[in-house]
Amino acid sequence: MAAPTSSAIVLNVNGEKYPLSVDHRTTLLDALRERLDLTGTKKGCDQGQCGACTVLLDGRRTVSCLQLAVAAEGREVTTIEGVADGDRLHPVQQAFLDLDGFQCGYCTPGQICSAVAVIEEHAAGWPSAVTGDVRPEAGPPPLTPEEIRERMSGNLCRCGAYVSIVQAVARAAATGAGAAAGTEVAA
């Protein structure tokens, strides 16, 4: 007898539960876009290299094109559609709008989801490859443009809006997205 190739799962996406029957090979990206019609998450390279499909999985960023939908069952998935608080934009979304952190906009949902996680990771004291003092007692380093660029390096923008993206992440961190958690932003 052949093993089953599909499963009935329940995905918790943006605070709502969605029962689905999915092939075991279905990626989270395809389940979101094709089955749940949440098309804000973009399909870019489909190889985990561009970051266009970045979503939050239990608050941590992940490229949804490499995450199987069946492995996301029982976890909290947040897409770009779930980042805002009702009609009130998340501070990262507002900063992207205010500082033109986008051009064509294709990568923007993944950039924003990644930036939300970057600010939280930084506030929690997680070091990056450019962090000078990685000892836990040193605390979070200043969130310099170099820190932001390194932490956002998994998200590509073909239009080259990087300068504005870095400014938007810095502003969001300074004005609410991570300020309550003690994020220090350096110019």
Protein backbone atom coordinates (compact mmCIF):
# COMPACT_ATOMS: atom_id res chain seq x y z
CA MET A 1 0.00 0.00 0.00
CA ALA A 2 1.39 3.37 -1.02
CA ALA A 3 1.80 6.09 1.57
CA PRO A 4 -0.62 9.01 1.27
CA THR A 5 0.69 11.99 -0.66
CA SER A 6 -1.68 14.59 0.76
CA SER A 7 -2.89 15.63 4.17
CA ALA A 8 -5.71 17.62 5.71
CA ILE A 9 -4.15 20.48 7.65
CA VAL A 10 -5.22 23.69 9.33
CA LEU A 11 -3.09 26.76 8.69
CA ASN A 12 -3.26 29.64 11.17
CA VAL A 13 -2.69 32.67 8.95
CA ASN A 14 -3.03 36.25 10.19
CA GLY A 15 -5.03 35.04 13.17
CA GLU A 16 -7.53 33.00 11.15
CA LYS A 17 -7.66 29.22 10.81
CA TYR A 18 -7.90 27.74 7.32
CA PRO A 19 -8.57 24.01 6.84
CA LEU A 20 -6.91 22.72 3.66
CA SER A 21 -6.16 19.46 1.95
CA VAL A 22 -2.69 19.81 0.46
CA ASP A 23 -0.23 17.68 -1.41
CA HIS A 24 2.79 17.10 0.82
CA ARG A 25 4.98 18.90 -1.72
CA THR A 26 2.92 22.13 -1.63
CA THR A 27 4.97 25.05 -0.41
CA LEU A 28 3.61 27.52 2.08
CA LEU A 29 3.94 30.18 -0.64
CA ASP A 30 1.73 28.25 -3.04
CA ALA A 31 -0.82 27.46 -0.32
CA LEU A 32 -1.03 31.15 0.61
CA ARG A 33 -1.30 32.46 -2.94
CA GLU A 34 -3.19 29.73 -4.77
CA ARG A 35 -5.35 28.18 -2.07
CA LEU A 36 -6.01 31.08 0.32
CA ASP A 37 -5.86 33.91 -2.26
CA LEU A 38 -3.40 35.87 -0.09
CA THR A 39 -1.43 37.25 -3.02
CA GLY A 40 0.51 39.92 -1.14
CA THR A 41 3.32 37.41 -0.65
CA LYS A 42 5.19 37.35 -3.96
CA LYS A 43 6.79 34.53 -5.87
CA GLY A 44 10.20 35.68 -7.04
CA CYS A 45 12.97 33.17 -7.64
CA ASP A 46 11.14 30.16 -6.09
CA GLN A 47 14.57 29.07 -4.76
CA GLY A 48 14.85 30.99 -1.48
CA GLN A 49 17.37 33.47 -2.82
CA CYS A 50 15.45 36.74 -3.35
CA GLY A 51 13.28 37.14 -0.24
CA ALA A 52 10.18 38.27 -2.14
CA CYS A 53 8.16 35.51 -0.45
CA THR A 54 9.26 36.32 3.11
CA VAL A 55 6.56 35.81 5.75
CA LEU A 56 6.71 35.54 9.52
CA LEU A 57 6.42 32.07 10.99
CA ASP A 58 5.93 32.24 14.75
CA GLY A 59 7.34 35.77 14.52
CA ARG A 60 10.52 34.74 12.72
CA ARG A 61 11.11 35.43 9.08
CA THR A 62 11.15 32.61 6.60
CA VAL A 63 11.13 32.33 2.85
CA SER A 64 7.80 30.66 2.20
CA CYS A 65 8.91 29.14 -1.12
CA LEU A 66 11.15 26.72 0.82
CA GLN A 67 8.71 26.02 3.66
CA LEU A 68 6.26 23.17 3.16
CA ALA A 69 2.66 24.00 4.02
CA VAL A 70 2.31 20.78 6.05
CA ALA A 71 5.27 21.86 8.21
CA ALA A 72 3.54 25.17 8.98
CA GLU A 73 0.54 23.49 10.60
CA GLY A 74 0.18 24.50 14.23
CA ARG A 75 2.34 27.57 13.76
CA GLU A 76 1.34 31.23 13.39
CA VAL A 77 1.87 32.53 9.86
CA THR A 78 1.84 36.28 9.32
CA THR A 79 1.79 37.60 5.78
CA ILE A 80 1.90 41.19 4.61
CA GLU A 81 -1.90 41.20 4.83
CA GLY A 82 -1.65 40.58 8.58
CA VAL A 83 1.13 43.01 9.52
CA ALA A 84 -1.10 46.07 9.99
CA ASP A 85 -3.37 46.51 13.00
CA GLY A 86 -6.72 46.82 11.26
CA ASP A 87 -6.67 50.10 9.34
CA ARG A 88 -3.58 51.31 11.21
CA LEU A 89 -0.36 50.55 9.36
CA HIS A 90 2.51 48.88 11.16
CA PRO A 91 5.36 51.38 11.82
CA VAL A 92 7.48 49.58 9.20
CA GLN A 93 4.75 49.94 6.58
CA GLN A 94 4.32 53.62 7.44
CA ALA A 95 8.07 54.24 7.22
CA PHE A 96 8.23 52.53 3.82
CA LEU A 97 5.46 54.82 2.59
CA ASP A 98 6.91 57.98 4.13
CA LEU A 99 10.45 57.38 2.86
CA ASP A 100 9.68 55.76 -0.51
CA GLY A 101 11.16 52.43 0.52
CA PHE A 102 9.89 50.88 -2.69
CA GLN A 103 9.81 51.52 -6.42
CA CYS A 104 7.96 48.88 -8.42
CA GLY A 105 6.71 47.36 -5.15
CA TYR A 106 7.16 43.71 -6.06
CA CYS A 107 9.68 43.00 -3.29
CA THR A 108 8.02 45.32 -0.77
CA PRO A 109 5.84 42.75 1.06
CA GLY A 110 8.86 40.53 1.68
CA GLN A 111 11.01 43.54 2.61
CA ILE A 112 8.42 44.71 5.14
CA CYS A 113 7.96 41.27 6.73
CA SER A 114 11.71 40.87 6.94
CA ALA A 115 12.14 44.37 8.43
CA VAL A 116 9.55 43.63 11.13
CA ALA A 117 11.55 40.55 12.14
CA VAL A 118 14.91 42.35 11.83
CA ILE A 119 13.81 45.00 14.32
CA GLU A 120 12.61 42.34 16.76
CA GLU A 121 15.78 40.26 16.33
CA HIS A 122 17.94 43.32 16.94
CA ALA A 123 15.94 44.38 20.00
CA ALA A 124 16.34 40.85 21.40
CA GLY A 125 20.12 41.24 21.13
CA TRP A 126 20.75 38.84 18.27
CA PRO A 127 24.08 39.71 16.66
CA SER A 128 24.67 39.96 12.93
CA ALA A 129 27.80 39.32 10.88
CA VAL A 130 28.81 43.00 11.32
CA THR A 131 28.11 43.24 15.05
CA GLY A 132 31.36 44.25 16.77
CA ASP A 133 30.72 42.82 20.23
CA VAL A 134 28.62 39.67 20.11
CA ARG A 135 28.73 38.89 23.84
CA PRO A 136 25.18 38.73 25.26
CA GLU A 137 26.04 41.15 28.06
CA ALA A 138 26.97 43.77 25.44
CA GLY A 139 23.30 44.04 24.48
CA PRO A 140 22.03 45.12 21.09
CA PRO A 141 24.50 47.19 19.09
CA PRO A 142 23.35 50.50 17.63
CA LEU A 143 21.16 49.83 14.61
CA THR A 144 23.49 51.45 12.11
CA PRO A 145 22.94 51.45 8.36
CA GLU A 146 25.60 48.71 8.17
CA GLU A 147 23.66 46.57 10.67
CA ILE A 148 20.43 47.12 8.76
CA ARG A 149 22.00 46.30 5.39
CA GLU A 150 23.53 43.08 6.76
CA ARG A 151 20.33 42.01 8.49
CA MET A 152 18.21 42.75 5.38
CA SER A 153 20.69 41.19 2.94
CA GLY A 154 18.43 38.21 2.18
CA ASN A 155 15.88 40.50 0.52
CA LEU A 156 16.74 41.71 -2.96
CA CYS A 157 15.31 44.75 -4.72
CA ARG A 158 15.81 44.82 -8.48
CA CYS A 159 14.90 48.51 -8.59
CA GLY A 160 17.66 49.44 -6.14
CA ALA A 161 15.58 51.16 -3.45
CA TYR A 162 18.10 50.07 -0.80
CA VAL A 163 18.94 53.56 0.50
CA SER A 164 15.28 54.26 1.23
CA ILE A 165 14.71 50.76 2.63
CA VAL A 166 17.56 51.22 5.12
CA GLN A 167 16.16 54.62 6.13
CA ALA A 168 12.67 53.16 6.53
CA VAL A 169 13.89 50.31 8.76
CA ALA A 170 15.85 52.78 10.89
CA ARG A 171 12.86 55.09 11.25
CA ALA A 172 10.49 52.26 12.10
CA ALA A 173 12.88 50.97 14.73
CA ALA A 174 13.19 54.44 16.23
CA THR A 175 9.50 55.32 16.13
CA GLY A 176 7.71 52.33 17.47
CA ALA A 177 8.39 48.99 15.85
CA GLY A 178 11.18 48.20 18.29
CA ALA A 179 11.48 51.27 20.51
CA ALA A 180 9.49 49.65 23.33
CA ALA A 181 11.97 46.79 23.37
CA GLY A 182 14.95 49.14 23.76
CA THR A 183 16.19 49.36 20.19
CA GLU A 184 18.90 51.99 19.84
CA VAL A 185 19.21 53.49 16.37
CA ALA A 186 22.37 55.19 15.19
CA ALA A 187 22.43 57.60 12.26
